[in-house]
Protein backbone atom coordinates (compact mmCIF):
# COMPACT_ATOMS: atom_id res chain seq x y z
CA MET A 1 -21.19 48.52 3.43
CA GLY A 2 -19.67 45.05 3.80
CA ALA A 3 -16.18 44.28 2.47
CA ASN A 4 -16.01 43.24 -1.12
CA PRO A 5 -14.65 39.62 -1.13
CA MET A 6 -12.90 40.26 -4.42
CA LYS A 7 -10.86 42.98 -2.75
CA ASP A 8 -9.93 40.83 0.26
CA PRO A 9 -6.18 39.99 -0.10
CA ARG A 10 -6.77 36.67 1.67
CA VAL A 11 -9.11 35.51 -1.18
CA GLU A 12 -7.96 34.27 -4.56
CA PRO A 13 -9.76 35.40 -7.68
CA SER A 14 -11.70 32.10 -7.61
CA GLY A 15 -12.99 32.97 -4.15
CA VAL A 16 -11.00 30.22 -2.41
CA ARG A 17 -8.91 31.30 0.58
CA ARG A 18 -5.20 30.82 0.51
CA ALA A 19 -3.66 28.05 2.54
CA ALA A 20 -2.65 30.33 5.39
CA SER A 21 -6.31 31.04 6.29
CA ALA A 22 -7.77 27.74 5.11
CA GLN A 23 -10.18 25.87 7.33
CA PRO A 24 -9.63 22.14 7.94
CA ASP A 25 -11.87 21.17 4.98
CA GLN A 26 -10.38 23.80 2.72
CA GLU A 27 -6.82 22.63 2.43
CA PRO A 28 -4.96 23.73 -0.78
CA ALA A 29 -5.51 21.50 -3.75
CA LEU A 30 -2.70 19.49 -5.20
CA PRO A 31 -1.78 20.94 -8.57
CA ARG A 32 -2.74 18.62 -11.46
CA ARG A 33 0.89 18.37 -12.70
CA GLY A 34 2.06 17.54 -9.14
CA PHE A 35 -0.51 14.78 -8.77
CA VAL A 36 0.40 13.30 -12.18
CA ILE A 37 4.09 13.24 -11.28
CA LEU A 38 3.27 11.73 -7.86
CA TRP A 39 1.10 9.11 -9.55
CA VAL A 40 3.79 8.23 -12.09
CA SER A 41 6.40 8.03 -9.33
CA VAL A 42 4.41 5.57 -7.24
CA CYS A 43 3.55 3.49 -10.31
CA LEU A 44 7.16 3.31 -11.50
CA ASN A 45 8.32 2.37 -8.02
CA MET A 46 5.84 -0.50 -7.94
CA VAL A 47 6.63 -1.60 -11.51
CA GLY A 48 10.28 -1.91 -10.43
CA PHE A 49 9.22 -3.77 -7.24
CA GLY A 50 6.87 -6.15 -9.09
CA LEU A 51 9.31 -6.66 -11.90
CA ILE A 52 11.73 -8.60 -9.69
CA LEU A 53 9.18 -10.74 -7.86
CA PRO A 54 8.88 -13.56 -10.50
CA VAL A 55 12.74 -13.79 -10.89
CA LEU A 56 14.20 -13.11 -7.47
CA PRO A 57 13.57 -16.67 -6.15
CA PHE A 58 15.28 -18.26 -9.17
CA HIS A 59 18.10 -15.76 -8.91
CA ALA A 60 18.54 -16.69 -5.29
CA GLU A 61 18.65 -20.42 -6.15
CA ARG A 62 21.56 -19.79 -8.46
CA PHE A 63 23.57 -18.91 -5.35
CA GLY A 64 22.49 -22.05 -3.55
CA ALA A 65 19.51 -20.76 -1.63
CA SER A 66 17.08 -23.38 -0.26
CA PRO A 67 13.31 -22.75 -0.27
CA ALA A 68 13.59 -21.61 3.41
CA VAL A 69 16.24 -19.13 2.51
CA VAL A 70 14.21 -17.83 -0.37
CA THR A 71 11.19 -17.15 1.93
CA MET A 72 13.59 -15.42 4.41
CA LEU A 73 14.80 -13.24 1.54
CA ALA A 74 11.23 -12.29 0.71
CA ALA A 75 10.43 -11.55 4.34
CA SER A 76 13.56 -9.42 4.87
CA PHE A 77 12.00 -6.65 2.85
CA SER A 78 8.96 -6.41 5.13
CA VAL A 79 11.07 -6.70 8.30
CA ALA A 80 13.24 -3.72 7.23
CA GLN A 81 10.17 -1.74 6.25
CA LEU A 82 8.54 -2.49 9.57
CA PHE A 83 11.21 -0.59 11.46
CA ALA A 84 12.11 2.02 8.86
CA ALA A 85 8.70 3.35 7.83
CA PRO A 86 7.82 5.24 11.05
CA VAL A 87 11.31 6.77 11.12
CA LEU A 88 11.00 8.00 7.52
CA GLY A 89 7.51 9.20 8.25
CA ARG A 90 8.65 11.34 11.18
CA LEU A 91 11.47 12.70 9.07
CA GLY A 92 8.92 13.61 6.35
CA ASP A 93 6.92 15.59 8.99
CA ARG A 94 10.16 17.53 9.87
CA ILE A 95 11.92 18.11 6.63
CA GLY A 96 9.19 17.73 4.02
CA ARG A 97 7.63 14.91 1.97
CA ARG A 98 9.62 15.57 -1.24
CA PRO A 99 13.02 14.81 0.21
CA ILE A 100 11.75 11.51 1.67
CA LEU A 101 10.20 10.55 -1.69
CA LEU A 102 13.54 11.25 -3.41
CA ILE A 103 15.44 9.27 -0.74
CA SER A 104 13.08 6.27 -1.14
CA ILE A 105 13.43 6.30 -4.98
CA ALA A 106 17.27 6.64 -4.72
CA GLY A 107 17.20 3.65 -2.28
CA ALA A 108 15.19 1.61 -4.73
CA CYS A 109 17.61 2.40 -7.51
CA ALA A 110 20.66 1.48 -5.35
CA SER A 111 19.02 -1.74 -4.16
CA MET A 112 18.15 -2.88 -7.73
CA THR A 113 21.74 -2.12 -8.82
CA MET A 114 22.99 -4.26 -5.95
CA LEU A 115 20.72 -7.08 -7.02
CA ALA A 116 22.06 -6.82 -10.57
CA LEU A 117 25.65 -6.94 -9.41
CA ALA A 118 25.19 -9.58 -6.63
CA ASP A 119 27.59 -12.49 -6.59
CA GLY A 120 26.27 -14.17 -3.45
CA LEU A 121 23.40 -14.47 -1.00
CA GLY A 122 24.94 -11.84 1.30
CA LEU A 123 24.58 -9.07 -1.23
CA LEU A 124 21.05 -10.26 -2.13
CA PHE A 125 19.97 -9.90 1.55
CA ALA A 126 21.75 -6.54 1.83
CA ALA A 127 19.88 -5.31 -1.30
CA ARG A 128 16.52 -6.40 0.04
CA LEU A 129 17.15 -4.85 3.45
CA LEU A 130 18.04 -1.60 1.78
CA SER A 131 15.02 -1.75 -0.46
CA GLY A 132 12.71 -2.34 2.51
CA SER A 133 14.39 0.40 4.58
CA SER A 134 13.88 2.98 1.84
CA ALA A 135 10.32 1.81 0.91
CA ALA A 136 8.64 5.06 2.04
CA ASN A 137 7.35 5.81 -1.44
CA ALA A 138 3.71 4.83 -0.96
CA PRO A 139 3.10 6.00 2.64
CA THR A 140 4.91 9.25 2.07
CA ALA A 141 2.90 9.81 -1.10
CA GLN A 142 -0.23 9.21 0.89
CA ALA A 143 0.84 11.80 3.42
CA TYR A 144 1.71 14.18 0.57
CA VAL A 145 -1.79 13.89 -0.86
CA ALA A 146 -3.44 14.17 2.54
CA ALA A 147 -1.64 17.49 3.05
CA CYS A 148 -2.98 18.88 -0.18
CA VAL A 149 -6.56 17.57 -0.52
CA ARG A 150 -9.69 18.46 1.38
CA PRO A 151 -10.68 15.79 3.93
CA SER A 152 -13.94 15.15 2.08
CA GLU A 153 -11.90 14.29 -1.11
CA ARG A 154 -9.13 12.29 0.56
CA ALA A 155 -10.63 8.78 -0.01
CA ARG A 156 -10.97 9.50 -3.74
CA ALA A 157 -7.44 11.00 -4.07
CA LEU A 158 -5.84 8.25 -1.98
CA GLY A 159 -7.71 5.64 -4.03
CA ARG A 160 -6.08 7.07 -7.20
CA ILE A 161 -2.68 6.84 -5.60
CA GLY A 162 -3.54 3.25 -4.57
CA ALA A 163 -4.50 2.63 -8.20
CA ALA A 164 -1.02 3.57 -9.25
CA THR A 165 0.32 0.91 -6.98
CA GLY A 166 -2.08 -1.62 -8.46
CA VAL A 167 -1.15 -0.72 -12.05
CA GLY A 168 2.48 -1.06 -11.23
CA PHE A 169 1.89 -4.40 -9.58
CA VAL A 170 0.01 -5.69 -12.62
CA LEU A 171 2.62 -4.51 -15.09
CA GLY A 172 5.77 -5.31 -13.05
CA PRO A 173 5.50 -9.09 -12.79
CA ALA A 174 4.50 -9.43 -16.38
CA LEU A 175 7.46 -7.37 -17.47
CA GLY A 176 9.77 -9.32 -15.20
CA GLY A 177 8.62 -12.58 -16.73
CA LEU A 178 9.21 -11.29 -20.29
CA LEU A 179 12.67 -9.98 -19.44
CA SER A 180 13.83 -13.18 -17.70
CA THR A 181 16.37 -14.94 -19.85
CA PRO A 182 19.13 -17.52 -19.05
CA ALA A 183 21.52 -15.57 -21.24
CA TRP A 184 21.30 -12.45 -19.03
CA PRO A 185 19.72 -13.45 -15.64
CA SER A 186 20.35 -9.99 -14.20
CA LEU A 187 18.40 -8.13 -16.94
CA PRO A 188 15.26 -7.61 -14.88
CA PHE A 189 17.25 -5.98 -12.07
CA VAL A 190 19.11 -3.79 -14.55
CA VAL A 191 15.75 -2.59 -16.03
CA ALA A 192 14.34 -2.07 -12.57
CA ALA A 193 17.37 0.08 -11.65
CA ILE A 194 16.98 2.10 -14.89
CA LEU A 195 13.26 2.67 -14.15
CA ALA A 196 14.12 3.85 -10.59
CA GLY A 197 16.75 6.23 -12.03
CA ILE A 198 14.23 7.70 -14.46
CA ASN A 199 11.75 7.97 -11.61
CA PHE A 200 14.28 9.89 -9.46
CA ILE A 201 15.00 12.36 -12.32
CA VAL A 202 11.25 12.96 -13.04
CA ALA A 203 10.49 13.52 -9.33
CA PHE A 204 13.56 15.72 -8.75
CA VAL A 205 12.80 18.04 -11.65
CA TRP A 206 9.00 18.28 -11.60
CA LEU A 207 7.59 17.19 -8.15
CA PRO A 208 6.86 20.24 -5.94
CA GLU A 209 7.13 20.17 -2.21
CA ALA A 210 3.81 19.62 -0.28
CA PRO A 211 2.54 22.46 1.81
CA ARG A 212 4.23 22.62 5.21
CA THR A 213 2.13 22.91 8.36
CA ALA A 214 3.71 24.37 11.46
CA ALA A 215 3.62 22.34 14.60
CA PRO A 216 1.10 23.63 17.14
CA ALA A 217 2.40 25.89 19.85
CA ARG A 218 0.97 23.70 22.53
CA PRO A 219 0.44 19.98 21.84
CA SER A 220 -3.14 18.83 22.21
CA PRO A 221 -4.04 16.02 24.54
CA ALA A 222 -2.98 12.73 22.93
CA GLY A 223 -5.07 10.27 24.89
CA PRO A 224 -8.30 10.07 22.77
CA ARG A 225 -6.37 10.57 19.46
CA SER A 226 -3.86 7.92 20.36
CA ALA A 227 -6.55 5.43 21.36
CA SER A 228 -8.53 6.04 18.17
CA LEU A 229 -5.47 5.75 16.05
CA THR A 230 -4.31 2.59 17.73
CA GLY A 231 -7.62 0.96 16.91
CA TRP A 232 -7.35 1.83 13.23
CA VAL A 233 -3.70 0.72 13.07
CA LEU A 234 -4.76 -2.64 14.53
CA MET A 235 -7.53 -2.68 11.84
CA VAL A 236 -4.84 -2.33 9.19
CA PHE A 237 -2.74 -5.16 10.69
CA GLY A 238 -5.82 -7.51 10.80
CA ILE A 239 -6.87 -6.79 7.25
CA VAL A 240 -3.40 -7.17 5.77
CA ALA A 241 -2.68 -10.33 7.74
CA ALA A 242 -5.89 -11.91 6.56
CA PHE A 243 -5.26 -10.96 2.92
CA ALA A 244 -1.65 -12.08 3.09
CA ALA A 245 -2.61 -15.38 4.61
CA MET A 246 -5.00 -16.07 1.76
CA GLU A 247 -2.60 -14.76 -0.89
CA SER A 248 0.28 -16.96 0.34
CA THR A 249 -1.78 -20.23 0.32
CA PHE A 250 -4.24 -19.61 -2.60
CA ALA A 251 -1.95 -21.34 -5.14
CA LEU A 252 -1.58 -24.37 -2.90
CA LEU A 253 -5.42 -24.47 -2.23
CA VAL A 254 -6.37 -24.38 -5.91
CA GLU A 255 -3.66 -26.93 -6.80
CA GLN A 256 -5.05 -29.48 -4.25
CA ARG A 257 -8.71 -28.84 -4.81
CA HIS A 258 -8.90 -28.02 -8.52
CA GLY A 259 -5.60 -29.27 -10.04
CA TRP A 260 -4.52 -25.77 -11.14
CA GLY A 261 -1.08 -24.95 -12.16
CA PRO A 262 0.91 -21.61 -12.41
CA GLY A 263 -0.98 -20.55 -15.57
CA GLU A 264 -4.44 -20.71 -14.08
CA THR A 265 -3.30 -19.28 -10.74
CA GLY A 266 -1.47 -16.38 -12.50
CA MET A 267 -4.59 -15.49 -14.44
CA VAL A 268 -6.63 -15.22 -11.21
CA PHE A 269 -3.94 -13.04 -9.55
CA ALA A 270 -3.87 -10.84 -12.69
CA LEU A 271 -7.72 -10.55 -12.33
CA VAL A 272 -7.26 -9.73 -8.70
CA GLY A 273 -4.88 -6.90 -9.61
CA VAL A 274 -7.26 -5.52 -12.17
CA VAL A 275 -10.18 -5.50 -9.60
CA ILE A 276 -7.93 -3.71 -7.03
CA VAL A 277 -7.02 -1.03 -9.60
CA LEU A 278 -10.61 -0.46 -10.66
CA SER A 279 -11.85 -0.31 -7.07
CA GLN A 280 -9.30 2.25 -6.09
CA ALA A 281 -9.42 4.41 -9.26
CA VAL A 282 -13.19 4.40 -9.77
CA ILE A 283 -15.26 2.97 -6.89
CA VAL A 284 -13.75 4.03 -3.58
CA GLY A 285 -14.48 7.78 -3.93
CA ARG A 286 -18.16 7.17 -4.76
CA VAL A 287 -18.62 4.63 -1.96
CA ALA A 288 -17.08 7.00 0.64
CA ALA A 289 -19.16 9.95 -0.54
CA TRP A 290 -22.33 7.85 -0.53
CA LEU A 291 -21.92 5.97 2.79
CA GLY A 292 -19.42 8.00 4.75
CA ASP A 293 -16.04 6.57 5.85
CA LEU A 294 -17.23 4.41 8.76
CA ALA A 295 -20.13 2.78 6.89
CA ALA A 296 -17.87 2.29 3.86
CA MET A 297 -15.34 0.51 6.14
CA ARG A 298 -18.07 -1.84 7.31
CA LEU A 299 -18.96 -2.60 3.75
CA VAL A 300 -15.31 -3.30 3.03
CA LEU A 301 -14.97 -5.74 5.93
CA GLY A 302 -18.21 -7.52 4.81
CA LEU A 303 -16.77 -7.98 1.27
CA LEU A 304 -13.53 -9.30 2.67
CA ALA A 305 -15.24 -11.72 5.00
CA ALA A 306 -17.56 -13.02 2.30
CA GLY A 307 -14.75 -13.43 -0.23
CA LEU A 308 -12.47 -15.26 2.24
CA ALA A 309 -15.25 -17.57 3.37
CA CYS A 310 -16.07 -18.23 -0.31
CA ILE A 311 -12.50 -19.25 -1.03
CA GLY A 312 -12.33 -21.49 2.04
CA LEU A 313 -15.62 -23.26 1.45
CA ALA A 314 -16.11 -23.32 -2.31
CA PRO A 315 -15.89 -26.84 -3.78
CA GLY A 316 -15.43 -25.61 -7.41
CA TRP A 317 -13.06 -23.28 -9.22
CA LEU A 318 -15.77 -20.73 -9.96
CA GLY A 319 -16.42 -20.16 -6.28
CA ALA A 320 -12.72 -19.71 -5.62
CA THR A 321 -12.49 -17.18 -8.46
CA VAL A 322 -15.52 -15.21 -7.28
CA GLY A 323 -14.17 -15.26 -3.77
CA ALA A 324 -10.82 -13.97 -4.95
CA CYS A 325 -12.58 -11.05 -6.77
CA LEU A 326 -14.61 -10.14 -3.65
CA VAL A 327 -11.42 -10.24 -1.57
CA ALA A 328 -9.73 -7.99 -4.17
CA LEU A 329 -12.63 -5.56 -4.10
CA GLY A 330 -12.63 -5.35 -0.41
CA ASN A 331 -8.81 -5.03 -0.20
CA GLY A 332 -8.85 -2.33 -2.90
CA LEU A 333 -11.37 -0.23 -1.05
CA SER A 334 -9.88 -0.78 2.38
CA SER A 335 -6.55 1.05 2.00
CA PRO A 336 -7.75 4.46 0.84
CA THR A 337 -10.78 4.32 3.18
CA LEU A 338 -8.58 3.53 6.21
CA HIS A 339 -5.90 6.12 5.30
CA ALA A 340 -8.69 8.81 4.83
CA MET A 341 -10.08 7.98 8.28
CA ILE A 342 -6.58 7.98 9.86
CA SER A 343 -5.73 11.28 8.23
CA ARG A 344 -8.81 12.86 9.92
CA ARG A 345 -7.59 11.66 13.32
CA SER A 346 -4.02 12.77 12.72
CA THR A 347 -2.59 16.28 12.96
CA PRO A 348 -0.85 17.56 9.83
CA SER A 349 2.46 17.84 11.67
CA ARG A 350 2.30 14.10 12.60
CA ARG A 351 0.61 12.67 9.50
CA GLY A 352 3.80 11.27 8.01
CA ALA A 353 4.71 9.48 11.28
CA ASP A 354 1.09 8.07 11.61
CA PHE A 355 1.09 6.83 8.01
CA GLY A 356 4.53 5.29 8.64
CA LEU A 357 3.02 3.49 11.67
CA VAL A 358 0.24 2.26 9.42
CA SER A 359 2.81 1.04 6.89
CA SER A 360 4.67 -0.85 9.74
CA ALA A 361 1.39 -2.46 10.77
CA GLY A 362 0.89 -3.63 7.19
CA SER A 363 4.44 -4.96 7.05
CA LEU A 364 3.89 -6.91 10.34
CA GLY A 365 0.73 -8.35 8.83
CA ARG A 366 2.54 -9.42 5.68
CA ILE A 367 5.18 -11.21 7.86
CA LEU A 368 2.89 -12.91 10.44
CA GLY A 369 -0.10 -13.62 8.13
CA PRO A 370 1.70 -16.06 5.83
CA LEU A 371 3.59 -17.67 8.68
CA ALA A 372 0.25 -18.42 10.51
CA ALA A 373 -1.35 -19.47 7.23
CA GLY A 374 1.39 -22.11 6.58
CA LEU A 375 0.88 -23.70 9.99
CA VAL A 376 -2.98 -23.63 9.71
CA PHE A 377 -2.82 -25.04 6.18
CA GLU A 378 -0.78 -28.05 7.21
CA SER A 379 -2.68 -28.79 10.41
CA LEU A 380 -6.32 -28.02 9.49
CA GLY A 381 -6.52 -28.22 5.71
CA PRO A 382 -6.36 -26.08 2.54
CA GLY A 383 -9.43 -23.90 3.24
CA ALA A 384 -8.53 -23.12 6.92
CA PRO A 385 -6.32 -20.03 6.40
CA SER A 386 -9.06 -18.25 4.44
CA LEU A 387 -11.75 -19.23 6.98
CA LEU A 388 -9.53 -18.07 9.81
CA GLY A 389 -9.05 -14.75 7.93
CA ALA A 390 -12.80 -14.44 7.50
CA GLY A 391 -13.27 -14.87 11.26
CA VAL A 392 -10.64 -12.24 11.98
CA VAL A 393 -12.32 -9.81 9.57
CA LEU A 394 -15.77 -10.39 11.06
CA ALA A 395 -14.30 -9.67 14.52
CA LEU A 396 -12.87 -6.42 13.18
CA ALA A 397 -16.28 -5.56 11.67
CA SER A 398 -18.00 -6.00 15.01
CA VAL A 399 -15.55 -3.55 16.61
CA THR A 400 -16.53 -0.76 14.12
CA PHE A 401 -20.03 -0.67 15.58
CA ALA A 402 -18.55 0.71 18.79
CA MET A 403 -16.82 3.45 16.81
CA ARG A 404 -18.07 6.87 15.74
CA ASP A 405 -17.57 8.52 12.37
CA SER A 406 -15.87 11.89 12.18
């Protein structure tokens, strides 16, 4: 007589094997409460980040910052994140995801407090460097989810975490604008620090540690894995650079072509944020399940290229708006799809380091994309940055046809 599976100590009452004997596609599910706390943590972190965006340039001008210094202040965050993200990712692999999430939230709280107390440009730069250095919240959360979710469900779960980022980015700038007041110019930074403090307490009390995976006794050959991972990291860099180039010059383009001001441009960016949230919360899981990761990635690149070309070529405001929505849809689908694919090519004991590398690639794209866009805008015209981005994305799409899904 065969063994009764209900008597097998390795099998839970539901019939699902425990994590110790799980197969690669049967990784333990993230408890609902843990996912909710993680979602709230990422959202609150992004609310605090987005809250200061509308007011930080004006805050810096009060200390005598020129426009060039203001842009350097904005870039300092990404420069710090570029170097710190892989280090924090590797630490997460060694000591666990939860401690790194707590460190990143504490760093955000400290940096916002420094901004609120700043009395000169030196402290502003120190605060932004600290904020960028501790900005491991999102990539560590992605590694956390990847450790707890079956590979077939990762795109959907990572999309929901991405939606938390989008919701925070929509709410943060709006709240920052409402809180901005000449009577208390530091109020947005005080509120951001309080939100980060609440975030830390919630995560410290309720967020469980992600399952730990022991490192393999003998490391597997890294050549094919490294080559595949490098290709996808470069894909992240290209997509982020193209998006950042468009994002940094869109307001200038619609001002020159359509006479728009901050009001109309802000409405389009709010629409972009809503489309990104919906694409990550609702659409990405269905697209990945229907097409598979690689075909979904080709669709994403097609949407991005079409949207960027539409922005660059459209003579009217409607075309620019439609193009921005297509870019937002492609951008919203790209991050969870790419992270799901990279998680398949990464070992659990290195997933945090690999996601940190991906975060660094995105940071580099956010630094170099706008710099290149500014030069191209001045030398070739308002639509040139978006058209150049469309060309880059099409080149990336052509590369995917030499890749294999897994």
